[in-house]
Protein backbone atom coordinates (compact mmCIF):
# COMPACT_ATOMS: atom_id res chain seq x y z
CA UNK A 1 5.82 -2.38 -4.00
CA UNK A 2 1.79 -0.79 -4.83
CA UNK A 3 1.66 1.61 -7.00
CA UNK A 4 -1.24 3.46 -6.73
CA UNK A 5 -2.91 4.23 -10.10
CA UNK A 6 -6.19 5.62 -8.74
CA UNK A 7 -7.61 5.89 -5.36
CA UNK A 8 -6.32 6.83 -2.26
CA UNK A 9 -5.97 3.16 -0.31
CA UNK A 10 -4.28 2.80 3.31
CA UNK A 11 -1.72 1.12 4.50
CA UNK A 12 -1.89 -0.36 8.09
CA UNK A 13 0.10 -2.98 10.14
CA UNK A 14 1.03 -3.61 13.69
CA UNK A 15 3.54 -0.84 14.50
CA UNK A 16 0.49 2.22 12.31
CA UNK A 17 -0.29 3.62 9.08
CA UNK A 18 0.23 4.66 5.25
CA UNK A 19 -2.12 6.44 3.17
CA UNK A 20 -0.63 7.08 -0.87
CA UNK A 21 -3.51 8.21 -3.80
CA UNK A 22 -2.55 8.05 -7.80
CA UNK A 23 0.51 8.45 -8.72
CA UNK A 24 2.62 7.39 -5.14
CA UNK A 25 4.31 3.63 -4.66
CA UNK A 26 4.93 2.05 -1.76
CA UNK A 27 7.64 -0.33 -0.35
CA UNK A 28 6.94 -3.27 1.96
CA UNK A 29 9.85 -4.48 3.30
CA UNK A 30 9.11 -8.34 3.83
CA UNK A 31 9.85 -8.40 7.56
CA UNK A 32 6.09 -6.39 7.59
CA UNK A 33 3.80 -9.39 8.10
CA UNK A 34 0.88 -8.90 7.83
CA UNK A 35 -0.96 -6.07 7.16
CA UNK A 36 -4.57 -4.39 5.11
CA UNK A 37 -4.92 -2.17 2.55
CA UNK A 38 -8.15 0.03 3.36
CA UNK A 39 -10.34 2.56 0.56
CA UNK A 40 -11.16 2.53 -3.16
CA UNK A 41 -9.00 2.47 -5.66
CA UNK A 42 -6.60 0.68 -8.35
CA UNK A 43 -3.10 -0.84 -7.46
CA UNK A 44 -0.04 -2.58 -9.19
CA UNK A 45 1.35 -4.33 -6.31
CA UNK A 46 4.94 -5.74 -7.26
CA UNK A 47 7.30 -8.97 -6.67
CA UNK A 48 11.30 -9.25 -6.43
């Protein structure tokens, strides 16, 4: 799970992309595989 603390970040993977802004959280399923983050900002990465 990524929680955006500041800025705007775009998560891209083979099947698409998703943008997130300050205050939003994005759940990344384990089967997603390789992904990349683009943009300027700060985030918290949580793992379970």
